[in-house]
Amino acid sequence: QVQLVESGGGLVQPGGSLRLSCAASGNIVRTNVMGWYRQSPGKERELVAASTSGGSTKYADSVKGRFTISRDNAKNTVYLQMNSLKPEGTALYYCNMVTVFGKEYWGQGTQVTVSS
C-alpha cells in the first residue's frame, strides 16, 4: 500500500504563488507517474500536471507557463509550484500516483483558495 500526503495549500491573493508538496510512503514502485489534480465545487476533477519517473511532464493548457511540476525521486516527493494564481484556481488539489502496474493512489487533498 502507498500513502500520499499533501501539504502547502492555503489562502493566497490573485497573482500570488504557492508551492504544494506530496510525499509518498509505503510500498513504492519506482517506475510511476505522479501528478496533481484539482476539483472545485460542481466541477469534475481535472488533471493539472503530471510527471513520470523518467522526467517527462504534462500540463493542463490553463496552467502552462504558470505552474511547474517537479519531483525528487530519492525522497518520493512531487512538488507543484504555482505562480500567477487566478481565482479560478481555487480548488481542492489532490496528489495522484499511478504505478507501472496500473495501481492508482490518491492523497486526501489540500485546499487552495485564491481570493483578495
C-alpha atoms as a PDB file:
ATOM      1  CA  GLN A   1       0.000   0.000   0.000  1.00  0.00           C
ATOM      2  CA  VAL A   2       1.093   3.579  -0.701  1.00  0.00           C
ATOM      3  CA  GLN A   3       0.195   6.688   1.260  1.00  0.00           C
ATOM      4  CA  LEU A   4       0.274  10.161  -0.286  1.00  0.00           C
ATOM      5  CA  VAL A   5       0.319  13.199   1.984  1.00  0.00           C
ATOM      6  CA  GLU A   6      -0.121  16.684   0.534  1.00  0.00           C
ATOM      7  CA  SER A   7       0.885  19.966   2.117  1.00  0.00           C
ATOM      8  CA  GLY A   8       1.305  23.598   1.188  1.00  0.00           C
ATOM      9  CA  GLY A   9      -2.221  24.696   0.419  1.00  0.00           C
ATOM     10  CA  GLY A  10      -3.725  27.880   1.777  1.00  0.00           C
ATOM     11  CA  LEU A  11      -5.168  31.269   1.009  1.00  0.00           C
ATOM     12  CA  VAL A  12      -3.367  33.468  -1.499  1.00  0.00           C
ATOM     13  CA  GLN A  13      -4.229  36.660  -3.317  1.00  0.00           C
ATOM     14  CA  PRO A  14      -4.654  36.700  -7.091  1.00  0.00           C
ATOM     15  CA  GLY A  15      -1.244  36.907  -8.715  1.00  0.00           C
ATOM     16  CA  GLY A  16       0.411  35.212  -5.761  1.00  0.00           C
ATOM     17  CA  SER A  17       2.284  31.936  -5.514  1.00  0.00           C
ATOM     18  CA  LEU A  18       2.056  28.697  -3.593  1.00  0.00           C
ATOM     19  CA  ARG A  19       4.113  25.534  -3.565  1.00  0.00           C
ATOM     20  CA  LEU A  20       2.397  22.217  -2.958  1.00  0.00           C
ATOM     21  CA  SER A  21       4.259  19.119  -1.820  1.00  0.00           C
ATOM     22  CA  CYS A  22       3.235  15.472  -1.867  1.00  0.00           C
ATOM     23  CA  ALA A  23       5.241  12.877  -0.009  1.00  0.00           C
ATOM     24  CA  ALA A  24       4.737   9.226  -0.842  1.00  0.00           C
ATOM     25  CA  SER A  25       5.447   6.420   1.597  1.00  0.00           C
ATOM     26  CA  GLY A  26       4.901   2.716   1.778  1.00  0.00           C
ATOM     27  CA  ASN A  27       5.476   0.055  -0.850  1.00  0.00           C
ATOM     28  CA  ILE A  28       6.506   2.371  -3.688  1.00  0.00           C
ATOM     29  CA  VAL A  29       7.129   1.137  -7.190  1.00  0.00           C
ATOM     30  CA  ARG A  30       9.894   3.340  -8.583  1.00  0.00           C
ATOM     31  CA  THR A  31       8.510   3.463 -12.107  1.00  0.00           C
ATOM     32  CA  ASN A  32       5.430   5.617 -11.831  1.00  0.00           C
ATOM     33  CA  VAL A  33       3.613   8.763 -12.771  1.00  0.00           C
ATOM     34  CA  MET A  34       2.939  11.307 -10.050  1.00  0.00           C
ATOM     35  CA  GLY A  35       0.702  14.245 -10.596  1.00  0.00           C
ATOM     36  CA  TRP A  36      -1.703  16.822  -9.318  1.00  0.00           C
ATOM     37  CA  TYR A  37      -5.417  17.044  -9.946  1.00  0.00           C
ATOM     38  CA  ARG A  38      -7.878  19.610  -8.723  1.00  0.00           C
ATOM     39  CA  GLN A  39     -11.593  19.750  -8.136  1.00  0.00           C
ATOM     40  CA  SER A  40     -13.757  22.741  -7.390  1.00  0.00           C
ATOM     41  CA  PRO A  41     -17.403  22.583  -6.272  1.00  0.00           C
ATOM     42  CA  GLY A  42     -19.738  21.439  -9.005  1.00  0.00           C
ATOM     43  CA  LYS A  43     -16.926  20.529 -11.372  1.00  0.00           C
ATOM     44  CA  GLU A  44     -15.196  17.315 -12.314  1.00  0.00           C
ATOM     45  CA  ARG A  45     -11.725  16.513 -11.085  1.00  0.00           C
ATOM     46  CA  GLU A  46      -9.191  17.610 -13.679  1.00  0.00           C
ATOM     47  CA  LEU A  47      -5.524  16.979 -14.324  1.00  0.00           C
ATOM     48  CA  VAL A  48      -3.297  19.943 -13.508  1.00  0.00           C
ATOM     49  CA  ALA A  49       0.165  18.487 -14.114  1.00  0.00           C
ATOM     50  CA  ALA A  50       1.912  15.136 -14.130  1.00  0.00           C
ATOM     51  CA  SER A  51       5.477  13.894 -14.120  1.00  0.00           C
ATOM     52  CA  THR A  52       6.883  10.480 -14.929  1.00  0.00           C
ATOM     53  CA  SER A  53       9.734   8.938 -13.000  1.00  0.00           C
ATOM     54  CA  GLY A  54      11.717   9.311 -16.226  1.00  0.00           C
ATOM     55  CA  GLY A  55      11.288  13.075 -16.224  1.00  0.00           C
ATOM     56  CA  SER A  56       8.526  13.712 -18.747  1.00  0.00           C
ATOM     57  CA  THR A  57       5.896  16.260 -17.802  1.00  0.00           C
ATOM     58  CA  LYS A  58       2.404  17.209 -18.896  1.00  0.00           C
ATOM     59  CA  TYR A  59       0.331  20.277 -18.062  1.00  0.00           C
ATOM     60  CA  ALA A  60      -3.228  21.387 -18.466  1.00  0.00           C
ATOM     61  CA  ASP A  61      -3.443  24.205 -21.007  1.00  0.00           C
ATOM     62  CA  SER A  62      -4.885  26.502 -18.351  1.00  0.00           C
ATOM     63  CA  VAL A  63      -1.730  26.351 -16.217  1.00  0.00           C
ATOM     64  CA  LYS A  64       1.043  26.182 -18.825  1.00  0.00           C
ATOM     65  CA  GLY A  65       3.656  28.842 -18.214  1.00  0.00           C
ATOM     66  CA  ARG A  66       2.475  29.463 -14.652  1.00  0.00           C
ATOM     67  CA  PHE A  67       2.743  26.104 -12.861  1.00  0.00           C
ATOM     68  CA  THR A  68       5.786  23.851 -12.665  1.00  0.00           C
ATOM     69  CA  ILE A  69       5.795  20.248 -11.536  1.00  0.00           C
ATOM     70  CA  SER A  70       8.976  18.693 -10.210  1.00  0.00           C
ATOM     71  CA  ARG A  71       9.904  15.618  -8.263  1.00  0.00           C
ATOM     72  CA  ASP A  72      12.619  14.272  -6.044  1.00  0.00           C
ATOM     73  CA  ASN A  73      12.684  10.549  -6.706  1.00  0.00           C
ATOM     74  CA  ALA A  74      15.080   9.926  -3.821  1.00  0.00           C
ATOM     75  CA  LYS A  75      12.542  11.458  -1.436  1.00  0.00           C
ATOM     76  CA  ASN A  76       9.485  10.077  -3.249  1.00  0.00           C
ATOM     77  CA  THR A  77       8.122  13.603  -3.311  1.00  0.00           C
ATOM     78  CA  VAL A  78       6.452  15.627  -6.024  1.00  0.00           C
ATOM     79  CA  TYR A  79       6.029  19.395  -5.967  1.00  0.00           C
ATOM     80  CA  LEU A  80       3.777  21.860  -7.735  1.00  0.00           C
ATOM     81  CA  GLN A  81       5.000  25.430  -7.923  1.00  0.00           C
ATOM     82  CA  MET A  82       2.040  27.640  -8.725  1.00  0.00           C
ATOM     83  CA  ASN A  83       2.688  31.215  -9.822  1.00  0.00           C
ATOM     84  CA  SER A  84       0.374  33.966 -11.031  1.00  0.00           C
ATOM     85  CA  LEU A  85      -2.563  32.264  -9.379  1.00  0.00           C
ATOM     86  CA  LYS A  86      -6.043  33.163 -10.531  1.00  0.00           C
ATOM     87  CA  PRO A  87      -9.364  32.958  -8.641  1.00  0.00           C
ATOM     88  CA  GLU A  88     -10.404  30.069 -10.888  1.00  0.00           C
ATOM     89  CA  GLY A  89      -7.516  28.132  -9.412  1.00  0.00           C
ATOM     90  CA  THR A  90      -9.464  27.806  -6.176  1.00  0.00           C
ATOM     91  CA  ALA A  91      -9.964  24.087  -5.647  1.00  0.00           C
ATOM     92  CA  LEU A  92      -9.055  21.057  -3.634  1.00  0.00           C
ATOM     93  CA  TYR A  93      -5.761  19.826  -5.035  1.00  0.00           C
ATOM     94  CA  TYR A  94      -5.091  16.107  -4.960  1.00  0.00           C
ATOM     95  CA  CYS A  95      -1.855  14.222  -5.344  1.00  0.00           C
ATOM     96  CA  ASN A  96      -2.003  11.119  -7.529  1.00  0.00           C
ATOM     97  CA  MET A  97       0.304   8.219  -8.257  1.00  0.00           C
ATOM     98  CA  VAL A  98      -0.076   5.547 -10.905  1.00  0.00           C
ATOM     99  CA  THR A  99       2.441   2.733 -10.931  1.00  0.00           C
ATOM    100  CA  VAL A 100       3.761   0.874 -13.955  1.00  0.00           C
ATOM    101  CA  PHE A 101       1.497  -1.995 -12.885  1.00  0.00           C
ATOM    102  CA  GLY A 102      -1.563   0.231 -13.109  1.00  0.00           C
ATOM    103  CA  LYS A 103      -2.258   0.660  -9.406  1.00  0.00           C
ATOM    104  CA  GLU A 104      -3.519   4.115  -8.554  1.00  0.00           C
ATOM    105  CA  TYR A 105      -3.349   6.036  -5.301  1.00  0.00           C
ATOM    106  CA  TRP A 106      -4.779   9.361  -4.146  1.00  0.00           C
ATOM    107  CA  GLY A 107      -3.972  11.757  -1.358  1.00  0.00           C
ATOM    108  CA  GLN A 108      -6.568  13.398   0.858  1.00  0.00           C
ATOM    109  CA  GLY A 109      -6.267  16.758  -0.870  1.00  0.00           C
ATOM    110  CA  THR A 110      -5.096  20.211   0.138  1.00  0.00           C
ATOM    111  CA  GLN A 111      -7.249  23.303  -0.265  1.00  0.00           C
ATOM    112  CA  VAL A 112      -6.044  26.218  -2.361  1.00  0.00           C
ATOM    113  CA  THR A 113      -8.086  29.402  -2.215  1.00  0.00           C
ATOM    114  CA  VAL A 114      -7.243  32.334  -4.463  1.00  0.00           C
ATOM    115  CA  SER A 115      -9.062  35.415  -3.276  1.00  0.00           C
ATOM    116  CA  SER A 116      -8.488  39.035  -2.395  1.00  0.00           C
END
